[in-house]
N, C-alpha and C. Protein backbone atom coordinates (compact mmCIF):
# COMPACT_ATOMS: atom_id res chain seq x y z
N MET A 1 5.06 -17.31 23.62
CA MET A 1 5.46 -16.46 22.27
C MET A 1 6.24 -15.27 22.58
N SER A 2 7.33 -15.22 21.83
CA SER A 2 8.36 -13.75 22.35
C SER A 2 7.42 -12.65 22.18
N ASN A 3 7.89 -11.85 23.20
CA ASN A 3 7.16 -10.61 23.47
C ASN A 3 7.05 -9.58 21.73
N PHE A 4 8.46 -9.98 21.16
CA PHE A 4 8.55 -9.26 19.93
C PHE A 4 7.57 -9.65 18.96
N TYR A 5 7.34 -11.19 18.85
CA TYR A 5 6.55 -11.64 18.14
C TYR A 5 4.86 -10.98 18.07
N LEU A 6 4.84 -10.92 19.22
CA LEU A 6 3.47 -10.35 19.68
C LEU A 6 3.46 -9.02 19.22
N GLU A 7 4.64 -8.05 19.58
CA GLU A 7 4.59 -6.56 19.17
C GLU A 7 4.50 -6.32 17.83
N SER A 8 5.43 -7.16 17.16
CA SER A 8 5.14 -6.99 15.67
C SER A 8 3.49 -7.96 15.18
N PHE A 9 3.26 -8.54 15.67
CA PHE A 9 1.64 -8.66 15.02
C PHE A 9 0.64 -7.57 15.69
N LYS A 10 0.72 -7.13 17.14
CA LYS A 10 -0.15 -5.72 17.29
C LYS A 10 0.15 -4.73 16.27
N THR A 11 1.34 -4.02 16.11
CA THR A 11 1.62 -3.10 14.90
C THR A 11 0.70 -3.61 14.01
N PHE A 12 1.28 -4.56 13.22
CA PHE A 12 0.73 -4.73 12.03
C PHE A 12 -0.99 -4.94 11.98
N PHE A 13 -1.46 -5.43 12.98
CA PHE A 13 -2.69 -5.47 13.18
C PHE A 13 -3.50 -4.29 13.57
N LYS A 14 -2.97 -3.16 14.33
CA LYS A 14 -3.36 -1.70 14.36
C LYS A 14 -3.10 -1.09 13.14
N ILE A 15 -2.12 -1.24 12.36
CA ILE A 15 -2.48 -0.88 10.82
C ILE A 15 -3.47 -1.30 10.03
N GLY A 16 -3.69 -2.68 10.05
CA GLY A 16 -4.68 -3.61 9.30
C GLY A 16 -6.11 -2.92 9.85
N LEU A 17 -6.01 -2.49 10.89
CA LEU A 17 -7.38 -2.57 11.64
C LEU A 17 -7.82 -0.74 11.41
N PHE A 18 -7.19 0.31 11.08
CA PHE A 18 -7.31 1.55 11.36
C PHE A 18 -7.10 2.08 9.75
N THR A 19 -6.71 1.63 8.87
CA THR A 19 -6.57 1.88 7.50
C THR A 19 -7.58 1.85 6.86
N LEU A 20 -8.26 2.67 6.13
CA LEU A 20 -9.23 2.54 5.11
C LEU A 20 -8.76 3.18 3.85
N GLY A 21 -9.10 2.29 2.58
CA GLY A 21 -8.44 2.17 1.39
C GLY A 21 -7.54 1.72 0.80
N GLY A 22 -7.10 0.36 1.43
CA GLY A 22 -6.12 -0.47 0.46
C GLY A 22 -4.80 0.00 1.04
N GLY A 23 -4.03 -1.19 0.36
CA GLY A 23 -2.75 -0.86 0.39
C GLY A 23 -1.91 0.54 0.55
N TYR A 24 -1.93 1.12 -0.64
CA TYR A 24 -1.70 2.39 -0.97
C TYR A 24 -1.60 3.17 0.19
N ALA A 25 -3.13 3.12 0.67
CA ALA A 25 -3.39 4.19 1.95
C ALA A 25 -2.78 3.81 3.10
N MET A 26 -2.24 2.49 3.19
CA MET A 26 -1.65 2.25 4.50
C MET A 26 -0.02 2.30 4.46
N ILE A 27 0.66 2.87 3.62
CA ILE A 27 2.08 3.04 3.18
C ILE A 27 2.71 4.01 4.23
N PRO A 28 1.88 5.35 4.22
CA PRO A 28 2.24 6.32 5.50
C PRO A 28 2.43 5.83 6.65
N ILE A 29 1.13 5.17 7.03
CA ILE A 29 0.97 4.65 8.50
C ILE A 29 2.01 3.31 8.86
N ILE A 30 2.36 2.31 7.78
CA ILE A 30 3.19 1.37 8.41
C ILE A 30 4.56 2.47 8.31
N GLU A 31 4.84 3.26 7.14
CA GLU A 31 6.32 4.09 7.37
C GLU A 31 6.28 4.81 8.77
N SER A 32 5.52 5.33 9.04
CA SER A 32 5.24 5.67 10.03
C SER A 32 5.85 5.02 11.51
N GLU A 33 4.84 3.76 11.69
CA GLU A 33 5.18 2.75 12.64
C GLU A 33 6.67 1.89 12.24
N VAL A 34 6.72 1.71 11.19
CA VAL A 34 8.09 1.02 11.11
C VAL A 34 9.30 1.54 10.89
N VAL A 35 9.15 2.66 10.24
CA VAL A 35 10.60 3.14 9.83
C VAL A 35 10.85 4.27 11.25
N ASP A 36 9.85 5.32 11.15
CA ASP A 36 9.81 6.21 12.52
C ASP A 36 9.94 6.23 13.71
N LYS A 37 8.83 5.39 14.07
CA LYS A 37 8.62 4.68 15.45
C LYS A 37 9.51 3.58 16.23
N LYS A 38 9.27 2.62 15.55
CA LYS A 38 9.99 1.20 15.81
C LYS A 38 11.10 1.15 15.27
N LYS A 39 11.62 1.88 14.04
CA LYS A 39 13.06 1.76 13.47
C LYS A 39 13.35 0.49 13.37
N TRP A 40 12.52 -0.16 12.98
CA TRP A 40 12.75 -1.81 12.25
C TRP A 40 13.27 -1.82 11.03
N VAL A 41 13.02 -1.08 10.10
CA VAL A 41 13.53 -0.77 8.72
C VAL A 41 14.17 0.34 8.61
N SER A 42 15.24 0.75 8.10
CA SER A 42 15.60 1.89 7.30
C SER A 42 14.81 2.66 6.34
N LYS A 43 14.44 3.90 5.97
CA LYS A 43 14.09 4.54 5.28
C LYS A 43 14.18 4.09 3.66
N GLU A 44 15.65 3.66 3.35
CA GLU A 44 16.07 3.73 2.17
C GLU A 44 15.30 1.96 1.86
N ASP A 45 15.51 0.97 2.97
CA ASP A 45 14.86 -0.38 2.82
C ASP A 45 13.48 -0.23 3.03
N PHE A 46 12.94 0.90 3.73
CA PHE A 46 11.54 1.03 3.38
C PHE A 46 10.96 1.08 1.99
N LEU A 47 11.59 1.88 1.16
CA LEU A 47 11.08 2.73 -0.22
C LEU A 47 11.83 1.44 -1.23
N ASP A 48 12.96 0.40 -0.90
CA ASP A 48 12.96 -0.77 -1.64
C ASP A 48 11.79 -1.92 -1.35
N ILE A 49 11.33 -1.83 -0.16
CA ILE A 49 10.37 -3.06 0.17
C ILE A 49 9.31 -2.37 -0.79
N ILE A 50 8.70 -1.36 -1.07
CA ILE A 50 7.47 -0.50 -1.58
C ILE A 50 8.22 -1.01 -2.85
N ALA A 51 8.97 -0.56 -3.48
CA ALA A 51 9.04 -0.92 -5.01
C ALA A 51 8.87 -2.42 -5.26
N ILE A 52 9.38 -3.29 -4.30
CA ILE A 52 9.35 -4.81 -4.52
C ILE A 52 8.08 -5.49 -4.49
N ALA A 53 7.48 -4.91 -3.45
CA ALA A 53 5.96 -5.15 -3.44
C ALA A 53 4.99 -5.01 -4.07
N GLN A 54 5.36 -3.21 -5.04
CA GLN A 54 4.62 -3.19 -5.95
C GLN A 54 4.58 -3.98 -7.28
N SER A 55 6.08 -4.87 -7.82
CA SER A 55 5.80 -5.54 -8.76
C SER A 55 5.68 -7.13 -8.54
N CYS A 56 5.13 -7.38 -7.05
CA CYS A 56 5.08 -8.77 -6.56
C CYS A 56 3.41 -8.71 -7.34
N PRO A 57 2.74 -9.74 -7.68
CA PRO A 57 1.63 -10.03 -7.43
C PRO A 57 0.70 -10.31 -5.89
N GLY A 58 -0.42 -9.97 -5.92
CA GLY A 58 -0.84 -10.11 -4.72
C GLY A 58 -1.15 -8.43 -4.17
N VAL A 59 -1.39 -8.23 -2.92
CA VAL A 59 -2.24 -7.63 -2.12
C VAL A 59 -1.21 -6.94 -1.68
N LEU A 60 -1.24 -5.29 -2.17
CA LEU A 60 0.30 -4.66 -1.46
C LEU A 60 0.37 -4.63 -0.15
N ALA A 61 -0.26 -4.68 0.45
CA ALA A 61 -0.20 -4.33 2.12
C ALA A 61 0.31 -5.76 2.88
N ILE A 62 -0.31 -6.55 2.10
CA ILE A 62 0.23 -8.14 2.75
C ILE A 62 1.94 -8.60 2.06
N ASN A 63 1.87 -7.58 0.80
CA ASN A 63 3.54 -7.85 0.37
C ASN A 63 4.09 -7.33 1.21
N VAL A 64 3.89 -5.89 1.58
CA VAL A 64 4.61 -5.03 2.64
C VAL A 64 4.92 -5.89 3.63
N SER A 65 3.98 -6.23 4.39
CA SER A 65 4.01 -6.62 5.44
C SER A 65 4.75 -7.95 5.42
N VAL A 66 4.74 -9.07 4.54
CA VAL A 66 5.41 -9.82 4.26
C VAL A 66 7.10 -9.60 4.31
N PHE A 67 7.32 -8.61 3.51
CA PHE A 67 8.68 -8.31 3.37
C PHE A 67 9.63 -7.47 4.44
N ILE A 68 8.55 -7.00 5.24
CA ILE A 68 9.02 -6.22 6.63
C ILE A 68 9.24 -7.71 7.57
N GLY A 69 8.22 -8.18 7.80
CA GLY A 69 8.69 -9.36 8.66
C GLY A 69 9.63 -10.59 8.10
N TYR A 70 9.85 -10.83 6.96
CA TYR A 70 11.29 -11.42 6.34
C TYR A 70 12.13 -10.65 6.89
N LYS A 71 12.54 -9.50 6.91
CA LYS A 71 13.55 -8.80 7.33
C LYS A 71 13.56 -8.81 8.70
N LEU A 72 12.55 -8.77 9.38
CA LEU A 72 12.61 -9.09 10.98
C LEU A 72 12.37 -10.64 11.58
N LYS A 73 12.12 -11.38 10.50
CA LYS A 73 11.83 -13.13 10.61
C LYS A 73 11.05 -13.39 11.34
N LYS A 74 9.77 -12.48 11.33
CA LYS A 74 8.60 -12.68 11.93
C LYS A 74 7.34 -12.36 10.75
N ALA A 75 7.60 -12.82 9.51
CA ALA A 75 6.76 -13.01 8.57
C ALA A 75 5.29 -13.27 8.59
N VAL A 76 5.18 -14.45 9.41
CA VAL A 76 3.84 -15.05 9.53
C VAL A 76 3.16 -14.07 10.49
N PHE A 77 3.87 -13.77 11.31
CA PHE A 77 2.74 -12.81 12.81
C PHE A 77 2.50 -11.21 12.00
N THR A 78 3.46 -10.81 11.21
CA THR A 78 3.29 -9.37 10.48
C THR A 78 2.00 -9.41 8.88
N SER A 79 2.40 -10.41 8.72
CA SER A 79 1.15 -10.55 7.47
C SER A 79 -0.22 -11.18 8.37
N LEU A 80 -0.24 -11.86 9.11
CA LEU A 80 -1.45 -12.13 10.22
C LEU A 80 -1.95 -10.88 10.65
N GLY A 81 -1.02 -10.38 10.99
CA GLY A 81 -1.76 -8.88 11.70
C GLY A 81 -2.46 -8.08 10.90
N THR A 82 -1.75 -7.71 9.42
CA THR A 82 -1.91 -6.89 8.50
C THR A 82 -3.59 -7.59 8.11
N ALA A 83 -3.70 -8.76 7.58
CA ALA A 83 -4.82 -9.40 7.05
C ALA A 83 -5.96 -9.67 8.08
N LEU A 84 -5.70 -9.63 9.38
CA LEU A 84 -7.03 -10.63 9.96
C LEU A 84 -7.56 -9.20 10.63
N PRO A 85 -7.28 -8.30 10.53
CA PRO A 85 -8.40 -7.20 10.82
C PRO A 85 -9.70 -7.17 9.69
N SER A 86 -9.04 -6.69 8.26
CA SER A 86 -9.87 -6.86 6.90
C SER A 86 -10.62 -8.22 7.08
N PHE A 87 -10.26 -9.44 7.26
CA PHE A 87 -11.24 -10.50 7.50
C PHE A 87 -12.07 -10.21 8.17
N LEU A 88 -12.12 -10.24 9.54
CA LEU A 88 -13.05 -9.48 10.52
C LEU A 88 -13.92 -8.80 10.22
N ILE A 89 -13.61 -7.81 9.47
CA ILE A 89 -14.49 -6.42 9.08
C ILE A 89 -15.38 -6.92 8.51
N ILE A 90 -14.75 -7.67 7.23
CA ILE A 90 -15.38 -8.12 6.05
C ILE A 90 -16.35 -8.74 6.63
N LEU A 91 -16.35 -10.09 7.12
CA LEU A 91 -16.85 -11.15 7.99
C LEU A 91 -18.08 -10.38 8.72
N ALA A 92 -17.87 -9.31 9.24
CA ALA A 92 -19.04 -8.58 10.04
C ALA A 92 -20.04 -7.99 9.28
N ILE A 93 -19.63 -7.31 8.33
CA ILE A 93 -20.35 -6.79 7.16
C ILE A 93 -21.17 -7.81 6.55
N ALA A 94 -20.54 -8.80 6.16
CA ALA A 94 -21.39 -10.14 5.17
C ALA A 94 -21.99 -10.85 6.37
N MET A 95 -22.01 -10.85 7.16
CA MET A 95 -23.12 -11.06 8.21
C MET A 95 -24.32 -10.08 8.59
N PHE A 96 -24.13 -8.64 8.63
CA PHE A 96 -25.11 -7.90 9.02
C PHE A 96 -25.42 -6.83 7.64
N PHE A 97 -25.09 -6.95 6.25
CA PHE A 97 -25.12 -6.13 5.18
C PHE A 97 -26.40 -6.13 4.91
N HIS A 98 -27.22 -6.86 4.86
CA HIS A 98 -28.79 -6.93 4.28
C HIS A 98 -29.38 -6.11 5.47
N GLN A 99 -28.84 -5.76 6.67
CA GLN A 99 -29.74 -5.03 7.14
C GLN A 99 -29.40 -3.29 7.40
N PHE A 100 -28.36 -3.06 6.68
CA PHE A 100 -27.85 -1.58 6.20
C PHE A 100 -27.62 -1.36 5.13
N GLU A 101 -28.05 -2.20 4.13
CA GLU A 101 -27.21 -1.99 2.70
C GLU A 101 -28.22 -1.07 2.15
N ASP A 102 -29.39 -0.39 2.39
CA ASP A 102 -29.97 0.90 2.10
C ASP A 102 -30.19 1.95 2.91
N ASN A 103 -29.27 2.10 4.09
CA ASN A 103 -29.44 2.82 5.12
C ASN A 103 -28.64 4.26 4.40
N LYS A 104 -29.33 5.33 4.53
CA LYS A 104 -28.68 6.63 3.95
C LYS A 104 -27.53 7.23 4.69
N VAL A 105 -27.65 6.74 6.22
CA VAL A 105 -26.53 7.51 6.95
C VAL A 105 -25.13 6.93 6.43
N VAL A 106 -25.36 5.23 6.58
CA VAL A 106 -24.39 4.42 5.87
C VAL A 106 -23.47 5.09 4.57
N ALA A 107 -24.64 4.98 3.67
CA ALA A 107 -23.88 5.63 2.50
C ALA A 107 -23.78 6.83 2.23
N ALA A 108 -23.96 7.92 3.27
CA ALA A 108 -23.53 8.73 3.30
C ALA A 108 -22.18 9.10 4.05
N ILE A 109 -22.02 8.26 5.01
CA ILE A 109 -20.45 7.91 5.43
C ILE A 109 -19.50 7.35 4.68
N PHE A 110 -19.82 6.25 3.72
CA PHE A 110 -18.94 6.42 2.41
C PHE A 110 -18.91 7.17 1.47
N ARG A 111 -19.83 7.92 1.31
CA ARG A 111 -19.35 9.37 0.35
C ARG A 111 -18.35 10.05 0.84
N GLY A 112 -18.27 10.33 2.09
CA GLY A 112 -17.34 11.01 3.15
C GLY A 112 -16.05 10.55 3.29
N ILE A 113 -16.21 9.33 3.41
CA ILE A 113 -14.78 8.49 3.31
C ILE A 113 -13.63 8.52 2.05
N ARG A 114 -14.38 8.27 0.70
CA ARG A 114 -13.73 8.38 -0.38
C ARG A 114 -12.78 9.48 -0.42
N PRO A 115 -12.82 10.80 -0.59
CA PRO A 115 -12.08 11.78 -0.74
C PRO A 115 -11.18 11.15 0.40
N ALA A 116 -11.26 11.25 1.61
CA ALA A 116 -9.99 10.92 2.59
C ALA A 116 -9.50 9.65 2.00
N VAL A 117 -9.52 8.85 1.37
CA VAL A 117 -9.01 7.72 0.78
C VAL A 117 -8.26 8.59 -0.26
N VAL A 118 -8.94 8.99 -1.20
CA VAL A 118 -8.16 9.50 -2.52
C VAL A 118 -6.57 10.08 -1.68
N ALA A 119 -6.97 11.05 -0.57
CA ALA A 119 -5.43 11.88 0.06
C ALA A 119 -4.62 10.97 0.24
N LEU A 120 -5.07 9.65 1.18
CA LEU A 120 -4.36 8.72 1.75
C LEU A 120 -3.68 8.04 1.04
N ILE A 121 -3.97 7.90 -0.59
CA ILE A 121 -3.15 7.29 -1.51
C ILE A 121 -2.15 8.47 -2.39
N ALA A 122 -2.84 9.63 -2.01
CA ALA A 122 -1.66 10.59 -2.98
C ALA A 122 -0.50 10.69 -2.02
N VAL A 123 -0.72 10.74 -1.32
CA VAL A 123 0.50 11.30 -0.16
C VAL A 123 1.36 10.03 0.00
N PRO A 124 1.55 8.96 -0.18
CA PRO A 124 2.58 8.02 -0.66
C PRO A 124 3.22 8.04 -1.95
N THR A 125 2.06 8.50 -3.07
CA THR A 125 2.47 8.59 -4.27
C THR A 125 3.24 9.74 -4.51
N PHE A 126 2.82 10.90 -3.67
CA PHE A 126 4.26 12.00 -4.01
C PHE A 126 5.50 11.58 -3.38
N LYS A 127 5.20 11.18 -2.01
CA LYS A 127 6.61 10.67 -1.22
C LYS A 127 7.42 9.70 -2.31
N LEU A 128 7.01 8.67 -2.75
CA LEU A 128 7.53 7.79 -3.42
C LEU A 128 8.26 8.79 -5.12
N GLY A 129 7.44 9.26 -5.31
CA GLY A 129 8.05 10.25 -6.56
C GLY A 129 8.88 11.21 -6.12
N LYS A 130 9.48 11.71 -4.96
CA LYS A 130 10.19 12.16 -4.44
C LYS A 130 10.99 11.81 -4.78
N SER A 131 11.02 10.44 -3.68
CA SER A 131 12.19 9.63 -3.54
C SER A 131 12.91 8.99 -4.62
N ALA A 132 11.92 8.93 -6.03
CA ALA A 132 12.32 8.39 -7.00
C ALA A 132 13.04 9.15 -8.00
N LYS A 133 13.19 10.57 -7.34
CA LYS A 133 13.81 11.71 -8.01
C LYS A 133 13.00 12.14 -8.93
N ILE A 134 11.96 11.99 -9.31
CA ILE A 134 10.97 12.32 -10.18
C ILE A 134 10.94 14.00 -10.05
N THR A 135 11.43 14.93 -11.56
CA THR A 135 11.73 16.07 -11.48
C THR A 135 10.47 16.69 -12.70
N LEU A 136 10.66 17.93 -12.78
CA LEU A 136 9.93 18.47 -14.10
C LEU A 136 10.40 18.16 -15.23
N THR A 137 11.78 17.39 -15.49
CA THR A 137 12.07 17.30 -16.73
C THR A 137 12.03 15.86 -17.04
N ASN A 138 11.58 14.84 -15.80
CA ASN A 138 10.99 13.43 -16.17
C ASN A 138 9.68 13.04 -15.88
N CYS A 139 8.96 13.87 -15.04
CA CYS A 139 7.70 13.70 -14.95
C CYS A 139 6.79 13.49 -15.76
N TRP A 140 7.32 13.50 -16.78
CA TRP A 140 6.47 13.22 -18.28
C TRP A 140 6.17 11.34 -18.51
N ILE A 141 7.11 11.05 -17.55
CA ILE A 141 7.21 9.60 -17.74
C ILE A 141 5.95 8.94 -17.19
N PRO A 142 6.11 9.15 -16.11
CA PRO A 142 4.60 8.61 -15.08
C PRO A 142 3.06 9.07 -15.48
N ILE A 143 3.50 10.63 -15.89
CA ILE A 143 1.98 10.94 -16.63
C ILE A 143 1.50 10.15 -17.62
N ALA A 144 2.54 9.93 -18.67
CA ALA A 144 2.46 9.06 -20.13
C ALA A 144 1.70 7.99 -19.97
N GLY A 145 2.78 7.13 -18.53
CA GLY A 145 1.96 5.89 -18.59
C GLY A 145 0.81 5.68 -17.95
N ALA A 146 0.46 6.46 -17.15
CA ALA A 146 -0.70 6.53 -16.68
C ALA A 146 -1.91 6.86 -17.39
N LEU A 147 -1.59 8.03 -18.29
CA LEU A 147 -2.40 8.13 -19.47
C LEU A 147 -2.37 6.80 -20.73
N ALA A 148 -1.69 6.16 -20.74
CA ALA A 148 -1.61 5.30 -21.73
C ALA A 148 -2.25 4.11 -21.17
N ILE A 149 -2.45 3.96 -19.64
CA ILE A 149 -3.11 3.15 -19.20
C ILE A 149 -4.53 3.13 -19.21
N TRP A 150 -4.72 4.32 -18.39
CA TRP A 150 -6.34 5.18 -18.20
C TRP A 150 -7.21 5.31 -19.54
N LEU A 151 -6.51 6.21 -20.35
CA LEU A 151 -6.85 6.33 -21.84
C LEU A 151 -7.15 5.73 -22.87
N LEU A 152 -5.96 5.16 -23.24
CA LEU A 152 -5.75 3.90 -24.43
C LEU A 152 -5.72 2.58 -23.84
N GLY A 153 -5.95 2.12 -22.68
CA GLY A 153 -6.50 0.83 -22.15
C GLY A 153 -5.41 -0.37 -22.52
N VAL A 154 -3.88 0.60 -22.33
CA VAL A 154 -2.67 -0.24 -22.55
C VAL A 154 -2.36 -1.07 -21.18
N SER A 155 -2.22 -2.17 -21.42
CA SER A 155 -1.55 -2.82 -20.21
C SER A 155 -0.62 -2.44 -19.49
N PRO A 156 -0.84 -2.66 -18.46
CA PRO A 156 0.30 -1.80 -17.16
C PRO A 156 1.11 -2.78 -17.44
N ILE A 157 1.80 -3.95 -17.73
CA ILE A 157 2.58 -4.89 -17.88
C ILE A 157 3.44 -4.43 -19.13
N LEU A 158 2.59 -3.97 -19.82
CA LEU A 158 3.32 -3.35 -21.11
C LEU A 158 4.21 -1.74 -20.93
N VAL A 159 3.50 -1.14 -20.12
CA VAL A 159 3.86 0.24 -19.72
C VAL A 159 5.44 0.07 -18.76
N ILE A 160 5.01 -1.09 -17.76
CA ILE A 160 6.35 -1.01 -17.23
C ILE A 160 7.29 -1.65 -17.92
N LEU A 161 7.24 -2.64 -18.98
CA LEU A 161 8.25 -3.33 -19.61
C LEU A 161 9.00 -2.23 -20.58
N VAL A 162 7.99 -1.51 -21.11
CA VAL A 162 8.39 -0.13 -21.85
C VAL A 162 9.61 0.75 -20.86
N ALA A 163 9.18 1.28 -19.99
CA ALA A 163 9.69 1.79 -19.05
C ALA A 163 11.17 1.38 -18.53
N GLY A 164 10.93 -0.03 -18.53
CA GLY A 164 12.19 -0.41 -17.95
C GLY A 164 13.38 -0.56 -19.42
N ILE A 165 13.07 -0.94 -20.41
CA ILE A 165 13.69 -1.10 -21.58
C ILE A 165 14.09 0.65 -21.77
N GLY A 166 13.15 1.33 -21.59
CA GLY A 166 13.55 3.14 -21.97
C GLY A 166 14.59 3.28 -20.90
N GLY A 167 14.52 2.95 -19.53
CA GLY A 167 15.76 3.26 -18.80
C GLY A 167 17.03 2.57 -18.73
N TYR A 168 16.81 1.47 -19.15
CA TYR A 168 17.90 0.55 -19.64
C TYR A 168 18.75 1.33 -20.69
N VAL A 169 17.90 1.61 -21.72
CA VAL A 169 18.48 2.22 -22.99
C VAL A 169 19.47 3.67 -22.71
N TYR A 170 18.45 4.19 -21.77
CA TYR A 170 19.05 5.55 -21.53
C TYR A 170 20.22 5.89 -20.41
N GLY A 171 20.30 4.36 -19.56
CA GLY A 171 21.31 4.37 -18.87
C GLY A 171 22.75 3.95 -19.84
N LYS A 172 22.38 3.48 -20.91
CA LYS A 172 23.65 2.94 -21.80
C LYS A 172 23.90 4.67 -22.36
């Protein structure tokens, strides 16, 4: 196996192993590794990959790793690297969960991790908003979309369709 195949697997394995909070929490770490350190993709390509990965069905982190891997012609290694740590951790938890499910220390640890995960999700949200050129004049659009989904129970698919049609009409 080529050294680059192993390097791409190890990079995404490390990302998958040390990121709590799911795909959105992984975005800044993937960006740091893939864009800033390794320079495998440009910042512009990375933002496009995030946008495409969000619009595709499936797990965001896997989608991002597949798209980056596709660009590098190493999709199998990047996606396995991303998924394998979670699989192994969940397997271990499933094997031993009954031994610590009522442990107060474990419950306290998870209560402490939750706010950090929210911060990890907030950072890429603000970065994506900045790169999407969301300003004070158009910030009502994502806010209205989020409120429609959260408070009114509107389908996210409908919000995306309406926003797309609105963008098209506005562009005309």
